[in-house]
Amino acid sequence: MSLRNESKDIIKEITNKIDEYECYAVKNTQDIFNYEKEYSILLQNALKSNEIDEASYREIKICLNRLLLTTTQISLERITLVEIREKVNKIIHQSNYKYGVNKKE
């Protein structure tokens, strides 16, 4: 296999990984909306009763922690995604320069 074909295969593999990360981010974004909804319902119930008992407080705290964890995971995945995209762009740029190609194929 030629170096150029290997580069194309590597770029294709990296592009597929980027797509996987984007799907993961979309899924986690949906999780965030679900957690926010749960949190909102818990707070509304607490406000209606004018008090927050210990069990409700624990539920709210667990929900907030899950939301924080999911948000952190998404942030880390998106940072990784940006790094991968930069590497792909660098590979494409170097390949184009090496082979004298002025446009992306």
Protein backbone atom coordinates (compact mmCIF):
# COMPACT_ATOMS: atom_id res chain seq x y z
CA MET A 1 0.00 0.00 0.00
CA SER A 2 1.38 3.37 -0.92
CA LEU A 3 2.05 6.08 1.62
CA ARG A 4 -0.70 8.21 0.10
CA ASN A 5 -3.29 5.41 0.42
CA GLU A 6 -2.18 4.77 4.00
CA SER A 7 -2.67 8.47 4.77
CA LYS A 8 -6.17 8.34 3.28
CA ASP A 9 -6.99 5.28 5.39
CA ILE A 10 -5.67 6.98 8.53
CA ILE A 11 -7.66 10.13 7.77
CA LYS A 12 -10.79 8.03 7.17
CA GLU A 13 -10.27 6.21 10.48
CA ILE A 14 -9.78 9.49 12.34
CA THR A 15 -12.86 10.96 10.68
CA ASN A 16 -14.88 7.95 11.83
CA LYS A 17 -13.62 8.49 15.37
CA ILE A 18 -14.68 12.14 15.20
CA ASP A 19 -18.15 11.01 14.15
CA GLU A 20 -18.26 8.63 17.14
CA TYR A 21 -17.32 11.47 19.49
CA GLU A 22 -20.01 13.69 18.01
CA CYS A 23 -22.63 10.97 18.54
CA TYR A 24 -21.42 10.56 22.11
CA ALA A 25 -21.69 14.30 22.71
CA VAL A 26 -25.23 14.36 21.29
CA LYS A 27 -26.25 11.48 23.57
CA ASN A 28 -24.79 13.19 26.62
CA THR A 29 -26.42 16.48 25.69
CA GLN A 30 -29.75 14.63 25.78
CA ASP A 31 -28.80 13.23 29.20
CA ILE A 32 -28.17 16.77 30.42
CA PHE A 33 -31.64 17.85 29.33
CA ASN A 34 -33.12 14.85 31.16
CA TYR A 35 -31.18 15.64 34.33
CA GLU A 36 -32.18 19.30 34.17
CA LYS A 37 -35.81 18.22 33.84
CA GLU A 38 -35.48 15.89 36.86
CA TYR A 39 -33.85 18.69 38.86
CA SER A 40 -36.58 21.14 37.91
CA ILE A 41 -39.32 18.69 38.96
CA LEU A 42 -37.60 18.00 42.29
CA LEU A 43 -37.28 21.71 43.01
CA GLN A 44 -40.90 22.40 42.05
CA ASN A 45 -42.06 19.65 44.40
CA ALA A 46 -39.91 21.06 47.19
CA LEU A 47 -41.25 24.56 46.60
CA LYS A 48 -44.87 23.33 46.64
CA SER A 49 -44.40 21.73 50.04
CA ASN A 50 -42.42 24.77 51.28
CA GLU A 51 -39.72 22.53 52.64
CA ILE A 52 -36.98 20.24 51.50
CA ASP A 53 -36.65 17.12 53.59
CA GLU A 54 -33.43 15.13 53.83
CA ALA A 55 -34.50 12.58 51.19
CA SER A 56 -35.41 15.31 48.70
CA TYR A 57 -32.17 17.11 49.40
CA ARG A 58 -30.21 13.90 48.67
CA GLU A 59 -32.17 13.35 45.43
CA ILE A 60 -31.47 16.91 44.30
CA LYS A 61 -27.79 16.57 45.21
CA ILE A 62 -27.49 13.27 43.30
CA CYS A 63 -29.19 14.81 40.28
CA LEU A 64 -26.86 17.82 40.35
CA ASN A 65 -23.81 15.57 40.65
CA ARG A 66 -24.95 13.49 37.66
CA LEU A 67 -25.48 16.69 35.70
CA LEU A 68 -22.02 17.95 36.63
CA LEU A 69 -20.41 14.61 35.72
CA THR A 70 -22.16 14.49 32.34
CA THR A 71 -21.25 18.10 31.57
CA THR A 72 -17.61 17.38 32.44
CA GLN A 73 -17.58 14.28 30.22
CA ILE A 74 -18.98 16.24 27.30
CA SER A 75 -16.41 19.00 27.79
CA LEU A 76 -13.57 16.48 27.81
CA GLU A 77 -14.92 14.74 24.70
CA ARG A 78 -15.25 18.02 22.85
CA ILE A 79 -11.70 19.02 23.79
CA THR A 80 -10.52 15.66 22.45
CA LEU A 81 -12.59 16.21 19.31
CA VAL A 82 -10.95 19.59 18.68
CA GLU A 83 -7.50 18.07 19.17
CA ILE A 84 -8.28 15.26 16.73
CA ARG A 85 -9.63 17.69 14.14
CA GLU A 86 -6.46 19.76 14.43
CA LYS A 87 -4.35 16.63 13.86
CA VAL A 88 -6.46 15.64 10.84
CA ASN A 89 -6.11 19.12 9.36
CA LYS A 90 -2.35 19.00 9.93
CA ILE A 91 -2.11 15.60 8.21
CA ILE A 92 -4.18 16.84 5.27
CA HIS A 93 -2.10 20.01 5.01
CA GLN A 94 1.18 18.07 5.14
CA SER A 95 -0.07 15.52 2.60
CA ASN A 96 -1.23 18.23 0.24
CA TYR A 97 2.09 20.03 0.60
CA LYS A 98 4.10 16.83 0.14
CA TYR A 99 2.20 15.74 -2.96
CA GLY A 100 1.77 19.26 -4.35
CA VAL A 101 -2.00 19.14 -4.13
CA ASN A 102 -3.68 22.52 -3.73
CA LYS A 103 -7.13 21.24 -2.83
CA LYS A 104 -8.60 18.57 -0.57
CA GLU A 105 -9.71 15.40 -2.29
